[in-house]
Amino acid sequence: MHPLVEKAKKEERSLLEMEALSLLNHYGFTIPKHHFARTEKEVLEACHDLGWPVVMKVVSPHILHKTDAGGVILNVRTKKQAAKAFSQLISLEKAGHRIHGVLVYPFQGHDIELSAGMLRDEQFGPVITFGLGGIWIEALQDVSFGIAPLSSDEAEEMISSIRGHALLEGKRGKKPADREAICDLLIRLSQMALQEETIREMDLNPFFPLEKGVFIADARIIV
């Protein structure tokens, strides 16, 4: 068991997002550059290092669904906006949430949002999920399933099985997505689920398909 998973289990909580990203990095996922900030000064330093625009997210053990709680602010483009966003995120503490600080990401706008995850089933063990992500995950429920461990062919079949797979092929002047990178992400997710038996659920939603690689925009891991 990885020390981050062990720590979260002892404290009876989910992994904080920066812990989830660190764990993903340990298992070979490509994660975006990011900074954890506790003060407005640290936020502005993070923005300077990452470059504008950025995404700012609240870091709290009590907030699993950050967007629903108003804990995600997209497309922050100036120092003034960053200061206001930090104040807004920290103010969630007034609702009784323990706030550790904020996570600052580069803002990556993309036409296509995907999701991948893992649910641990009593009968089948780790079940890997893949589909359209973001707001579309519940609206369209376009999801495929696979049982860990996944082979390359099984991961490719999961991608081809969703109704929206044609979006990855590149149309109207846009280049196709890196399907090999998406396959790799699904396979690594299945391997990680087998290694970390204490993890009950994982959710990478959204992640963006790129011409080369993928961009993981959010990570949630429940032990």
Protein backbone atom coordinates (compact mmCIF):
# COMPACT_ATOMS: atom_id res chain seq x y z
CA MET A 1 0.00 0.00 0.00
CA HIS A 2 1.36 3.40 -0.97
CA PRO A 3 2.01 5.69 2.04
CA LEU A 4 -0.49 8.30 0.74
CA VAL A 5 -3.23 5.67 0.58
CA GLU A 6 -2.27 4.34 4.01
CA LYS A 7 -2.39 7.87 5.50
CA ALA A 8 -5.84 8.57 4.01
CA LYS A 9 -7.12 5.21 5.25
CA LYS A 10 -5.89 5.90 8.79
CA GLU A 11 -7.52 9.34 8.77
CA GLU A 12 -10.73 7.86 7.26
CA ARG A 13 -10.88 10.27 4.33
CA SER A 14 -10.44 10.42 0.59
CA LEU A 15 -7.14 11.53 -0.90
CA LEU A 16 -6.75 15.28 -1.34
CA GLU A 17 -6.39 16.15 -5.00
CA MET A 18 -2.67 16.91 -4.82
CA GLU A 19 -2.21 13.53 -3.08
CA ALA A 20 -4.22 11.86 -5.84
CA LEU A 21 -2.02 13.52 -8.48
CA SER A 22 1.12 12.43 -6.64
CA LEU A 23 -0.17 8.84 -6.51
CA LEU A 24 -1.01 8.90 -10.22
CA ASN A 25 2.49 10.20 -10.94
CA HIS A 26 3.93 7.31 -8.90
CA TYR A 27 2.08 4.87 -11.18
CA GLY A 28 3.42 6.47 -14.36
CA PHE A 29 0.54 8.77 -15.35
CA THR A 30 1.48 12.07 -16.94
CA ILE A 31 0.08 14.77 -14.68
CA PRO A 32 -0.03 18.51 -15.36
CA LYS A 33 2.25 20.92 -13.58
CA HIS A 34 0.42 22.38 -10.59
CA HIS A 35 0.97 24.22 -7.32
CA PHE A 36 -0.63 24.00 -3.89
CA ALA A 37 -1.06 27.42 -2.27
CA ARG A 38 -2.14 28.42 1.25
CA THR A 39 -1.99 32.20 0.86
CA GLU A 40 -2.85 34.81 -1.75
CA LYS A 41 0.88 35.51 -2.19
CA GLU A 42 1.53 31.83 -2.95
CA VAL A 43 -1.37 31.80 -5.41
CA LEU A 44 0.08 34.75 -7.33
CA GLU A 45 3.53 33.11 -7.35
CA ALA A 46 1.93 29.92 -8.71
CA CYS A 47 0.12 31.87 -11.44
CA HIS A 48 3.37 33.59 -12.41
CA ASP A 49 5.15 30.24 -12.66
CA LEU A 50 2.39 28.46 -14.61
CA GLY A 51 1.39 31.41 -16.80
CA TRP A 52 -2.12 32.71 -17.45
CA PRO A 53 -4.86 31.55 -17.62
CA VAL A 54 -5.17 29.15 -14.69
CA VAL A 55 -7.76 27.04 -12.90
CA MET A 56 -8.10 27.35 -9.12
CA LYS A 57 -9.65 24.61 -6.96
CA VAL A 58 -10.38 24.34 -3.28
CA VAL A 59 -8.48 21.66 -1.34
CA SER A 60 -10.63 20.19 1.40
CA PRO A 61 -11.15 16.69 2.86
CA HIS A 62 -14.85 17.55 3.21
CA ILE A 63 -15.56 18.53 -0.41
CA LEU A 64 -15.58 15.59 -2.83
CA HIS A 65 -17.56 17.25 -5.62
CA LYS A 66 -15.77 20.56 -5.89
CA THR A 67 -17.73 21.97 -8.83
CA ASP A 68 -21.08 21.42 -7.10
CA ALA A 69 -19.79 23.23 -4.00
CA GLY A 70 -18.49 26.23 -5.97
CA GLY A 71 -14.93 25.05 -5.36
CA VAL A 72 -13.61 25.33 -8.93
CA ILE A 73 -12.94 28.61 -10.74
CA LEU A 74 -11.93 28.37 -14.41
CA ASN A 75 -10.08 30.65 -16.78
CA VAL A 76 -8.51 33.00 -14.19
CA ARG A 77 -6.58 35.54 -16.29
CA THR A 78 -5.30 38.35 -14.06
CA LYS A 79 -3.82 39.00 -10.60
CA LYS A 80 -7.05 40.72 -9.58
CA GLN A 81 -9.14 37.73 -10.67
CA ALA A 82 -6.74 35.34 -8.89
CA ALA A 83 -6.97 37.28 -5.61
CA LYS A 84 -10.77 37.35 -5.84
CA ALA A 85 -10.90 33.62 -6.67
CA PHE A 86 -8.66 32.76 -3.71
CA SER A 87 -10.88 34.75 -1.35
CA GLN A 88 -13.98 33.06 -2.76
CA LEU A 89 -12.55 29.55 -2.36
CA ILE A 90 -11.25 30.13 1.16
CA SER A 91 -14.66 31.53 2.16
CA LEU A 92 -16.13 28.02 1.74
CA GLU A 93 -14.76 27.45 5.25
CA LYS A 94 -17.77 29.44 6.50
CA ALA A 95 -20.00 26.57 5.36
CA GLY A 96 -18.24 24.29 7.86
CA HIS A 97 -15.68 22.82 5.46
CA ARG A 98 -12.07 22.47 6.51
CA ILE A 99 -10.01 24.22 3.84
CA HIS A 100 -6.32 23.39 3.44
CA GLY A 101 -5.71 25.85 0.60
CA VAL A 102 -6.10 25.90 -3.17
CA LEU A 103 -4.66 23.97 -6.09
CA VAL A 104 -3.58 25.99 -9.12
CA TYR A 105 -3.51 24.31 -12.56
CA PRO A 106 -2.85 25.61 -16.05
CA PHE A 107 -6.20 26.22 -17.77
CA GLN A 108 -6.60 23.83 -20.67
CA GLY A 109 -9.69 24.56 -22.74
CA HIS A 110 -10.75 21.70 -25.01
CA ASP A 111 -13.76 20.76 -27.11
CA ILE A 112 -13.84 17.16 -25.87
CA GLU A 113 -14.01 16.09 -22.24
CA LEU A 114 -13.50 12.44 -21.34
CA SER A 115 -13.75 10.49 -18.12
CA ALA A 116 -12.10 7.34 -16.82
CA GLY A 117 -12.56 5.66 -13.50
CA MET A 118 -12.59 2.56 -11.36
CA LEU A 119 -15.31 1.01 -9.21
CA ARG A 120 -14.48 -2.01 -7.04
CA ASP A 121 -17.19 -4.62 -7.52
CA GLU A 122 -17.64 -7.47 -5.01
CA GLN A 123 -18.01 -10.05 -7.78
CA PHE A 124 -15.75 -8.78 -10.57
CA GLY A 125 -13.14 -6.81 -8.63
CA PRO A 126 -11.86 -3.55 -10.17
CA VAL A 127 -14.16 -2.42 -12.99
CA ILE A 128 -12.67 0.26 -15.27
CA THR A 129 -14.98 2.84 -16.84
CA PHE A 130 -14.48 5.11 -19.85
CA GLY A 131 -16.72 7.62 -21.56
CA LEU A 132 -17.51 11.22 -22.33
CA GLY A 133 -16.82 13.40 -19.30
CA GLY A 134 -17.60 16.74 -17.74
CA ILE A 135 -21.27 17.73 -17.90
CA TRP A 136 -21.93 15.01 -20.49
CA ILE A 137 -21.15 12.05 -18.23
CA GLU A 138 -24.56 12.09 -16.54
CA ALA A 139 -26.53 13.68 -19.38
CA LEU A 140 -25.54 11.14 -22.05
CA GLN A 141 -24.35 8.18 -19.91
CA ASP A 142 -22.08 7.17 -22.79
CA VAL A 143 -19.84 4.79 -20.84
CA SER A 144 -18.02 1.52 -21.51
CA PHE A 145 -16.71 -0.98 -18.95
CA GLY A 146 -13.76 -3.35 -18.63
CA ILE A 147 -12.44 -5.72 -15.98
CA ALA A 148 -8.90 -5.27 -14.63
CA PRO A 149 -6.29 -6.13 -15.73
CA LEU A 150 -6.90 -4.61 -19.15
CA SER A 151 -4.98 -5.64 -22.25
CA SER A 152 -4.24 -3.16 -25.04
CA ASP A 153 -6.98 -4.72 -27.17
CA GLU A 154 -9.50 -4.50 -24.34
CA ALA A 155 -8.64 -0.84 -23.70
CA GLU A 156 -9.01 -0.08 -27.42
CA GLU A 157 -12.36 -1.90 -27.43
CA MET A 158 -13.54 0.27 -24.52
CA ILE A 159 -12.69 3.41 -26.50
CA SER A 160 -14.41 2.15 -29.67
CA SER A 161 -17.52 1.05 -27.72
CA ILE A 162 -18.75 4.50 -26.68
CA ARG A 163 -21.15 6.25 -29.03
CA GLY A 164 -18.99 9.39 -29.01
CA HIS A 165 -15.77 7.68 -30.15
CA ALA A 166 -15.99 9.41 -33.54
CA LEU A 167 -15.21 12.70 -31.75
CA LEU A 168 -11.66 11.40 -31.24
CA GLU A 169 -11.04 10.90 -34.95
CA GLY A 170 -10.52 14.56 -35.78
CA LYS A 171 -12.89 16.43 -38.05
CA ARG A 172 -13.21 19.89 -39.63
CA GLY A 173 -9.49 20.56 -39.63
CA LYS A 174 -8.82 19.18 -36.14
CA LYS A 175 -6.23 16.46 -35.71
CA PRO A 176 -7.21 13.12 -34.17
CA ALA A 177 -6.68 12.43 -30.49
CA ASP A 178 -3.82 10.26 -29.27
CA ARG A 179 -5.75 6.99 -28.80
CA GLU A 180 -2.60 5.19 -27.71
CA ALA A 181 -2.26 7.62 -24.78
CA ILE A 182 -5.92 7.04 -23.82
CA CYS A 183 -5.34 3.26 -23.95
CA ASP A 184 -2.25 3.68 -21.77
CA LEU A 185 -4.26 5.69 -19.23
CA LEU A 186 -6.93 2.97 -18.99
CA ILE A 187 -4.35 0.19 -18.66
CA ARG A 188 -2.44 2.07 -15.95
CA LEU A 189 -5.70 2.70 -14.11
CA SER A 190 -6.42 -1.04 -14.12
CA GLN A 191 -2.89 -1.89 -12.93
CA MET A 192 -3.08 0.70 -10.17
CA ALA A 193 -6.44 -0.67 -9.01
CA LEU A 194 -4.95 -4.16 -8.69
CA GLN A 195 -1.94 -2.86 -6.76
CA GLU A 196 -3.86 -0.59 -4.39
CA GLU A 197 -6.62 -2.86 -3.08
CA THR A 198 -7.69 -0.31 -0.45
CA ILE A 199 -8.84 2.14 -3.14
CA ARG A 200 -12.61 1.81 -3.51
CA GLU A 201 -13.18 4.30 -6.30
CA MET A 202 -11.20 6.48 -8.73
CA ASP A 203 -12.46 9.19 -11.02
CA LEU A 204 -10.47 11.13 -13.62
CA ASN A 205 -13.15 13.53 -14.84
CA PRO A 206 -12.53 15.37 -16.97
CA PHE A 207 -9.40 14.52 -18.82
CA PHE A 208 -8.75 16.00 -22.24
CA PRO A 209 -7.52 14.05 -25.28
CA LEU A 210 -4.65 15.83 -26.99
CA GLU A 211 -2.91 15.37 -30.32
CA LYS A 212 -0.07 13.91 -28.25
CA GLY A 213 -0.89 12.58 -24.78
CA VAL A 214 -3.75 13.50 -22.45
CA PHE A 215 -4.34 16.25 -19.88
CA ILE A 216 -5.79 15.10 -16.54
CA ALA A 217 -7.84 18.05 -15.31
CA ASP A 218 -9.30 16.47 -12.16
CA ALA A 219 -8.55 13.42 -10.03
CA ARG A 220 -10.62 11.92 -7.21
CA ILE A 221 -9.58 8.83 -5.25
CA ILE A 222 -11.67 7.27 -2.45
CA VAL A 223 -10.22 4.67 -0.06
